[in-house]
Each structure stands twice: as C-alpha cells, then as structure tokens.
Amino acid sequence: MNLNKTKYLCIGETHSNLKLDKDSGTDDKEIRSRIIQARKCIACLNGILWSKDIRKERKLNIYNALIKSSLLYGSETWRLTENSKKLVEVTKMDALRRYSRISRKERIRKVTIGQQIGLEVPIIKEI
C-alpha cells in the first residue's frame, strides 16, 4: 500500500498520521492459519483417507466437505504470493496422496495423481 496515494477520512476528534505495520498488505498469517486448520483435518482423517474399506467417492466427499472447505475459507479475499500458492497446493496434494493411498516415497507426480482422481485443476484456479 502506498501511503502517499492513499486517502483516508478521520472520524472523531483527533487527527493522527496513518501508520502501518511491516506485515500490512499481506495475508500470510491468515493463509498459514488456514493451512494449519486443513493439516489438522488431514491428521484427524488420516485413518479414513488411507483406508481400503472406504469408497473413493466417499473419500472425495470428505475431502471436499472438510479439508478443502477449511483450507479455502475466506480465500476470495487473499492476496496470494508465489510462496503462499505453493503452500496451499502442497497441502492439497498431501490430502490427495493419502486419498489415493500413494506415499511420497513412490515419487509419483502430482499431475498423475490429479488425473487418476479427476481433480486436474490446480486449487489456485478455484480461489
């Protein structure tokens, strides 16, 4: 935010100069908070996501209802940096790897996993 170009209206008796913190203008705290919430959901649902007994359609419903919704809550207003885009995408892929029962040790690319599931659109496009 450029303070020289910004106009503001003071309401009240005192008129003071506008001061902003270094973190003003970024949503990094909010994005990190959303990622932590989604990772907590993933951790709680780990047994369900890795289970062979639960159909993939049901797992996809769980992913959309719990993990994706907690990750993307309020994302319409985020100002994304390249680093935060990567973090959000990594969190999504962590859930989808568990959903597909594919370990990172197997070294299968995220594009391949997305094609298998049918979720080829990056989560950033959804935001």
N, C-alpha and C. Protein backbone atom coordinates (compact mmCIF):
# COMPACT_ATOMS: atom_id res chain seq x y z
N MET A 1 0.85 -1.16 0.00
CA MET A 1 0.00 0.00 0.00
C MET A 1 0.90 1.23 0.00
N ASN A 2 0.63 2.14 -0.86
CA ASN A 2 1.39 3.38 -0.95
C ASN A 2 0.67 4.45 -0.14
N LEU A 3 1.30 4.89 0.96
CA LEU A 3 0.66 5.89 1.83
C LEU A 3 0.53 7.25 1.16
N ASN A 4 1.40 7.56 0.21
CA ASN A 4 1.31 8.85 -0.49
C ASN A 4 0.09 8.91 -1.39
N LYS A 5 -0.34 7.77 -1.89
CA LYS A 5 -1.50 7.74 -2.79
C LYS A 5 -2.81 7.45 -2.06
N THR A 6 -2.69 7.06 -0.80
CA THR A 6 -3.86 6.64 -0.03
C THR A 6 -4.51 7.83 0.66
N LYS A 7 -5.83 7.93 0.52
CA LYS A 7 -6.58 8.97 1.21
C LYS A 7 -7.44 8.28 2.26
N TYR A 8 -7.55 8.91 3.40
CA TYR A 8 -8.40 8.37 4.44
C TYR A 8 -9.13 9.49 5.15
N LEU A 9 -10.25 9.14 5.74
CA LEU A 9 -11.09 10.10 6.42
C LEU A 9 -11.04 9.80 7.91
N CYS A 10 -10.67 10.78 8.69
CA CYS A 10 -10.59 10.63 10.15
C CYS A 10 -11.95 10.96 10.75
N ILE A 11 -12.49 10.04 11.50
CA ILE A 11 -13.77 10.27 12.16
C ILE A 11 -13.49 10.38 13.65
N GLY A 12 -13.88 11.47 14.25
CA GLY A 12 -13.62 11.69 15.67
C GLY A 12 -12.88 13.01 15.86
N GLU A 13 -12.40 13.21 17.06
CA GLU A 13 -11.77 14.49 17.40
C GLU A 13 -10.29 14.55 17.03
N THR A 14 -9.58 13.45 17.19
CA THR A 14 -8.13 13.50 16.96
C THR A 14 -7.79 13.09 15.54
N HIS A 15 -6.88 13.83 14.96
CA HIS A 15 -6.42 13.54 13.61
C HIS A 15 -4.94 13.15 13.71
N SER A 16 -4.64 11.91 13.42
CA SER A 16 -3.25 11.45 13.55
C SER A 16 -2.79 10.88 12.21
N ASN A 17 -1.49 10.75 12.08
CA ASN A 17 -0.93 10.19 10.86
C ASN A 17 -1.20 8.69 10.80
N LEU A 18 -1.43 8.21 9.63
CA LEU A 18 -1.69 6.80 9.41
C LEU A 18 -0.38 6.03 9.42
N LYS A 19 -0.30 4.97 10.24
CA LYS A 19 0.90 4.14 10.31
C LYS A 19 0.50 2.68 10.07
N LEU A 20 1.32 1.99 9.32
CA LEU A 20 1.05 0.59 9.02
C LEU A 20 2.23 -0.25 9.46
N ASP A 21 1.92 -1.49 9.86
CA ASP A 21 2.97 -2.43 10.23
C ASP A 21 3.67 -2.95 8.99
N LYS A 22 4.79 -3.62 9.18
CA LYS A 22 5.50 -4.22 8.05
C LYS A 22 4.67 -5.28 7.37
N ASP A 23 3.84 -6.00 8.13
CA ASP A 23 3.05 -7.09 7.56
C ASP A 23 1.77 -6.62 6.91
N SER A 24 1.47 -5.33 6.95
CA SER A 24 0.25 -4.83 6.35
C SER A 24 0.29 -5.05 4.85
N GLY A 25 -0.85 -5.41 4.31
CA GLY A 25 -0.93 -5.63 2.88
C GLY A 25 -0.70 -7.08 2.48
N THR A 26 -0.41 -7.95 3.44
CA THR A 26 -0.24 -9.37 3.12
C THR A 26 -1.23 -10.18 3.94
N ASP A 27 -1.53 -11.33 3.44
CA ASP A 27 -2.45 -12.24 4.13
C ASP A 27 -1.72 -13.50 4.59
N ASP A 28 -0.42 -13.40 4.79
CA ASP A 28 0.37 -14.58 5.13
C ASP A 28 -0.10 -15.24 6.42
N LYS A 29 -0.44 -14.45 7.43
CA LYS A 29 -0.91 -15.03 8.70
C LYS A 29 -2.21 -15.80 8.50
N GLU A 30 -3.12 -15.22 7.77
CA GLU A 30 -4.41 -15.88 7.52
C GLU A 30 -4.21 -17.15 6.70
N ILE A 31 -3.37 -17.10 5.69
CA ILE A 31 -3.14 -18.26 4.84
C ILE A 31 -2.47 -19.38 5.66
N ARG A 32 -1.48 -19.02 6.48
CA ARG A 32 -0.84 -20.03 7.34
C ARG A 32 -1.85 -20.64 8.31
N SER A 33 -2.74 -19.82 8.84
CA SER A 33 -3.77 -20.31 9.75
C SER A 33 -4.69 -21.31 9.05
N ARG A 34 -5.09 -21.00 7.83
CA ARG A 34 -5.95 -21.91 7.05
C ARG A 34 -5.23 -23.22 6.74
N ILE A 35 -3.94 -23.13 6.42
CA ILE A 35 -3.16 -24.33 6.12
C ILE A 35 -3.04 -25.20 7.37
N ILE A 36 -2.83 -24.58 8.52
CA ILE A 36 -2.74 -25.34 9.77
C ILE A 36 -4.07 -26.03 10.06
N GLN A 37 -5.19 -25.33 9.86
CA GLN A 37 -6.50 -25.94 10.07
C GLN A 37 -6.72 -27.13 9.14
N ALA A 38 -6.35 -26.97 7.88
CA ALA A 38 -6.52 -28.07 6.92
C ALA A 38 -5.63 -29.25 7.28
N ARG A 39 -4.41 -28.99 7.72
CA ARG A 39 -3.49 -30.06 8.11
C ARG A 39 -3.99 -30.79 9.35
N LYS A 40 -4.65 -30.07 10.26
CA LYS A 40 -5.26 -30.72 11.42
C LYS A 40 -6.37 -31.67 10.97
N CYS A 41 -7.17 -31.22 10.01
CA CYS A 41 -8.22 -32.08 9.46
C CYS A 41 -7.62 -33.32 8.80
N ILE A 42 -6.57 -33.12 8.03
CA ILE A 42 -5.90 -34.24 7.36
C ILE A 42 -5.38 -35.23 8.39
N ALA A 43 -4.77 -34.72 9.46
CA ALA A 43 -4.24 -35.60 10.50
C ALA A 43 -5.34 -36.39 11.20
N CYS A 44 -6.46 -35.73 11.48
CA CYS A 44 -7.58 -36.41 12.13
C CYS A 44 -8.21 -37.47 11.22
N LEU A 45 -8.20 -37.21 9.93
CA LEU A 45 -8.83 -38.12 8.96
C LEU A 45 -7.84 -39.08 8.32
N ASN A 46 -6.64 -39.15 8.83
CA ASN A 46 -5.59 -39.97 8.22
C ASN A 46 -6.02 -41.42 8.06
N GLY A 47 -6.59 -42.00 9.08
CA GLY A 47 -7.04 -43.39 9.02
C GLY A 47 -8.11 -43.61 7.96
N ILE A 48 -9.00 -42.65 7.84
CA ILE A 48 -10.07 -42.75 6.84
C ILE A 48 -9.51 -42.60 5.43
N LEU A 49 -8.61 -41.63 5.25
CA LEU A 49 -8.06 -41.38 3.92
C LEU A 49 -7.21 -42.54 3.42
N TRP A 50 -6.49 -43.22 4.31
CA TRP A 50 -5.65 -44.36 3.90
C TRP A 50 -6.43 -45.67 3.82
N SER A 51 -7.67 -45.69 4.31
CA SER A 51 -8.43 -46.93 4.40
C SER A 51 -8.77 -47.52 3.04
N LYS A 52 -8.69 -48.84 2.96
CA LYS A 52 -9.10 -49.56 1.74
C LYS A 52 -10.60 -49.82 1.74
N ASP A 53 -11.20 -49.77 2.93
CA ASP A 53 -12.61 -50.15 3.08
C ASP A 53 -13.59 -49.05 2.70
N ILE A 54 -13.11 -47.84 2.54
CA ILE A 54 -13.99 -46.70 2.22
C ILE A 54 -13.85 -46.38 0.74
N ARG A 55 -15.01 -46.27 0.07
CA ARG A 55 -15.00 -45.99 -1.36
C ARG A 55 -14.38 -44.63 -1.66
N LYS A 56 -13.77 -44.52 -2.84
CA LYS A 56 -13.10 -43.28 -3.22
C LYS A 56 -14.07 -42.12 -3.35
N GLU A 57 -15.30 -42.40 -3.79
CA GLU A 57 -16.29 -41.33 -3.91
C GLU A 57 -16.58 -40.73 -2.54
N ARG A 58 -16.66 -41.59 -1.52
CA ARG A 58 -16.92 -41.13 -0.16
C ARG A 58 -15.73 -40.30 0.36
N LYS A 59 -14.51 -40.78 0.06
CA LYS A 59 -13.32 -40.05 0.46
C LYS A 59 -13.26 -38.68 -0.21
N LEU A 60 -13.68 -38.62 -1.46
CA LEU A 60 -13.68 -37.34 -2.17
C LEU A 60 -14.69 -36.38 -1.55
N ASN A 61 -15.84 -36.90 -1.14
CA ASN A 61 -16.83 -36.08 -0.45
C ASN A 61 -16.27 -35.55 0.88
N ILE A 62 -15.55 -36.40 1.60
CA ILE A 62 -14.94 -35.99 2.86
C ILE A 62 -13.89 -34.92 2.60
N TYR A 63 -13.07 -35.13 1.58
CA TYR A 63 -12.04 -34.14 1.21
C TYR A 63 -12.69 -32.79 0.92
N ASN A 64 -13.72 -32.78 0.08
CA ASN A 64 -14.38 -31.52 -0.30
C ASN A 64 -15.06 -30.85 0.89
N ALA A 65 -15.72 -31.64 1.72
CA ALA A 65 -16.51 -31.07 2.81
C ALA A 65 -15.65 -30.57 3.97
N LEU A 66 -14.60 -31.29 4.30
CA LEU A 66 -13.84 -30.95 5.49
C LEU A 66 -12.50 -30.28 5.19
N ILE A 67 -11.69 -30.92 4.38
CA ILE A 67 -10.33 -30.44 4.17
C ILE A 67 -10.32 -29.21 3.26
N LYS A 68 -10.92 -29.34 2.10
CA LYS A 68 -10.90 -28.25 1.13
C LYS A 68 -11.63 -27.02 1.66
N SER A 69 -12.76 -27.24 2.32
CA SER A 69 -13.51 -26.09 2.84
C SER A 69 -12.75 -25.38 3.94
N SER A 70 -12.05 -26.12 4.81
CA SER A 70 -11.27 -25.45 5.85
C SER A 70 -10.05 -24.76 5.28
N LEU A 71 -9.48 -25.29 4.21
CA LEU A 71 -8.32 -24.67 3.57
C LEU A 71 -8.68 -23.39 2.83
N LEU A 72 -9.81 -23.39 2.14
CA LEU A 72 -10.16 -22.27 1.27
C LEU A 72 -11.11 -21.25 1.89
N TYR A 73 -11.45 -21.41 3.17
CA TYR A 73 -12.37 -20.47 3.80
C TYR A 73 -11.80 -19.06 3.74
N GLY A 74 -12.52 -18.15 3.15
CA GLY A 74 -12.10 -16.76 3.05
C GLY A 74 -11.07 -16.48 1.96
N SER A 75 -10.80 -17.46 1.12
CA SER A 75 -9.72 -17.31 0.13
C SER A 75 -10.06 -16.32 -0.98
N GLU A 76 -11.31 -15.93 -1.10
CA GLU A 76 -11.69 -14.99 -2.15
C GLU A 76 -11.02 -13.63 -1.97
N THR A 77 -10.63 -13.32 -0.75
CA THR A 77 -10.04 -12.02 -0.46
C THR A 77 -8.53 -12.07 -0.29
N TRP A 78 -7.92 -13.24 -0.42
CA TRP A 78 -6.47 -13.37 -0.21
C TRP A 78 -5.69 -12.70 -1.32
N ARG A 79 -4.58 -12.10 -0.96
CA ARG A 79 -3.58 -11.62 -1.92
C ARG A 79 -2.46 -12.64 -1.89
N LEU A 80 -2.42 -13.48 -2.90
CA LEU A 80 -1.51 -14.62 -2.89
C LEU A 80 -0.13 -14.26 -3.45
N THR A 81 0.89 -14.71 -2.76
CA THR A 81 2.25 -14.62 -3.26
C THR A 81 2.61 -15.99 -3.84
N GLU A 82 3.71 -16.07 -4.54
CA GLU A 82 4.12 -17.35 -5.12
C GLU A 82 4.36 -18.39 -4.03
N ASN A 83 4.95 -17.96 -2.92
CA ASN A 83 5.22 -18.88 -1.82
C ASN A 83 3.93 -19.41 -1.21
N SER A 84 2.95 -18.55 -1.00
CA SER A 84 1.69 -18.99 -0.41
C SER A 84 0.91 -19.88 -1.38
N LYS A 85 1.02 -19.64 -2.67
CA LYS A 85 0.38 -20.51 -3.66
C LYS A 85 0.94 -21.92 -3.56
N LYS A 86 2.25 -22.02 -3.43
CA LYS A 86 2.90 -23.33 -3.31
C LYS A 86 2.46 -24.04 -2.05
N LEU A 87 2.38 -23.31 -0.93
CA LEU A 87 1.99 -23.92 0.33
C LEU A 87 0.56 -24.47 0.29
N VAL A 88 -0.34 -23.72 -0.34
CA VAL A 88 -1.73 -24.17 -0.46
C VAL A 88 -1.79 -25.41 -1.36
N GLU A 89 -1.06 -25.40 -2.46
CA GLU A 89 -1.05 -26.54 -3.38
C GLU A 89 -0.44 -27.78 -2.71
N VAL A 90 0.61 -27.60 -1.92
CA VAL A 90 1.24 -28.72 -1.23
C VAL A 90 0.28 -29.35 -0.23
N THR A 91 -0.48 -28.51 0.47
CA THR A 91 -1.46 -29.03 1.43
C THR A 91 -2.53 -29.84 0.73
N LYS A 92 -2.99 -29.35 -0.40
CA LYS A 92 -3.99 -30.09 -1.18
C LYS A 92 -3.43 -31.44 -1.62
N MET A 93 -2.21 -31.43 -2.13
CA MET A 93 -1.61 -32.67 -2.63
C MET A 93 -1.35 -33.66 -1.50
N ASP A 94 -1.06 -33.18 -0.31
CA ASP A 94 -0.89 -34.08 0.83
C ASP A 94 -2.17 -34.86 1.08
N ALA A 95 -3.30 -34.17 1.05
CA ALA A 95 -4.59 -34.84 1.26
C ALA A 95 -4.90 -35.81 0.11
N LEU A 96 -4.63 -35.39 -1.12
CA LEU A 96 -4.95 -36.24 -2.27
C LEU A 96 -4.05 -37.47 -2.36
N ARG A 97 -2.80 -37.34 -1.92
CA ARG A 97 -1.92 -38.52 -1.88
C ARG A 97 -2.44 -39.54 -0.89
N ARG A 98 -2.88 -39.08 0.27
CA ARG A 98 -3.44 -40.00 1.26
C ARG A 98 -4.73 -40.62 0.74
N TYR A 99 -5.54 -39.80 0.09
CA TYR A 99 -6.80 -40.28 -0.51
C TYR A 99 -6.52 -41.39 -1.52
N SER A 100 -5.48 -41.22 -2.32
CA SER A 100 -5.12 -42.20 -3.35
C SER A 100 -4.25 -43.34 -2.82
N ARG A 101 -3.87 -43.26 -1.54
CA ARG A 101 -3.01 -44.26 -0.91
C ARG A 101 -1.65 -44.33 -1.60
N ILE A 102 -1.13 -43.16 -1.95
CA ILE A 102 0.17 -43.06 -2.62
C ILE A 102 1.13 -42.31 -1.69
N SER A 103 2.21 -42.96 -1.33
CA SER A 103 3.21 -42.35 -0.48
C SER A 103 4.11 -41.43 -1.31
N ARG A 104 4.70 -40.45 -0.66
CA ARG A 104 5.66 -39.58 -1.37
C ARG A 104 6.89 -40.36 -1.78
N LYS A 105 7.17 -41.44 -1.08
CA LYS A 105 8.33 -42.28 -1.41
C LYS A 105 8.17 -42.93 -2.78
N GLU A 106 6.94 -43.10 -3.24
CA GLU A 106 6.70 -43.71 -4.55
C GLU A 106 7.05 -42.76 -5.70
N ARG A 107 7.22 -41.49 -5.38
CA ARG A 107 7.67 -40.47 -6.35
C ARG A 107 6.77 -40.38 -7.59
N ILE A 108 5.47 -40.41 -7.35
CA ILE A 108 4.50 -40.23 -8.43
C ILE A 108 4.14 -38.76 -8.49
N ARG A 109 4.17 -38.19 -9.68
CA ARG A 109 3.95 -36.75 -9.86
C ARG A 109 2.52 -36.37 -9.54
N LYS A 110 2.37 -35.10 -9.12
CA LYS A 110 1.04 -34.62 -8.74
C LYS A 110 0.09 -34.56 -9.93
N VAL A 111 0.62 -34.36 -11.12
CA VAL A 111 -0.22 -34.33 -12.32
C VAL A 111 -0.86 -35.71 -12.53
N THR A 112 -0.09 -36.74 -12.33
CA THR A 112 -0.59 -38.11 -12.49
C THR A 112 -1.67 -38.41 -11.46
N ILE A 113 -1.43 -38.00 -10.23
CA ILE A 113 -2.42 -38.22 -9.17
C ILE A 113 -3.70 -37.46 -9.48
N GLY A 114 -3.56 -36.22 -9.92
CA GLY A 114 -4.73 -35.41 -10.28
C GLY A 114 -5.54 -36.03 -11.40
N GLN A 115 -4.87 -36.63 -12.38
CA GLN A 115 -5.56 -37.29 -13.49
C GLN A 115 -6.29 -38.53 -13.01
N GLN A 116 -5.68 -39.30 -12.12
CA GLN A 116 -6.31 -40.51 -11.60
C GLN A 116 -7.59 -40.18 -10.83
N ILE A 117 -7.54 -39.09 -10.07
CA ILE A 117 -8.69 -38.71 -9.25
C ILE A 117 -9.73 -37.95 -10.06
N GLY A 118 -9.27 -37.20 -11.04
CA GLY A 118 -10.17 -36.35 -11.82
C GLY A 118 -10.16 -34.92 -11.31
N LEU A 119 -9.16 -34.55 -10.50
CA LEU A 119 -9.01 -33.19 -9.99
C LEU A 119 -7.76 -32.58 -10.57
N GLU A 120 -7.78 -32.33 -11.84
CA GLU A 120 -6.59 -31.81 -12.54
C GLU A 120 -6.43 -30.30 -12.40
N VAL A 121 -7.51 -29.63 -12.02
CA VAL A 121 -7.47 -28.17 -11.90
C VAL A 121 -6.71 -27.79 -10.63
N PRO A 122 -5.69 -26.94 -10.74
CA PRO A 122 -4.99 -26.51 -9.53
C PRO A 122 -5.91 -25.77 -8.58
N ILE A 123 -5.65 -25.90 -7.30
CA ILE A 123 -6.53 -25.28 -6.30
C ILE A 123 -6.48 -23.76 -6.39
N ILE A 124 -5.41 -23.21 -6.93
CA ILE A 124 -5.29 -21.76 -7.09
C ILE A 124 -6.34 -21.24 -8.08
N LYS A 125 -6.65 -22.03 -9.09
CA LYS A 125 -7.71 -21.64 -10.05
C LYS A 125 -9.06 -21.56 -9.37
N GLU A 126 -9.29 -22.44 -8.39
CA GLU A 126 -10.55 -22.42 -7.65
C GLU A 126 -10.67 -21.18 -6.79
N ILE A 127 -9.54 -20.71 -6.27
CA ILE A 127 -9.57 -19.50 -5.45
C ILE A 127 -9.94 -18.32 -6.34
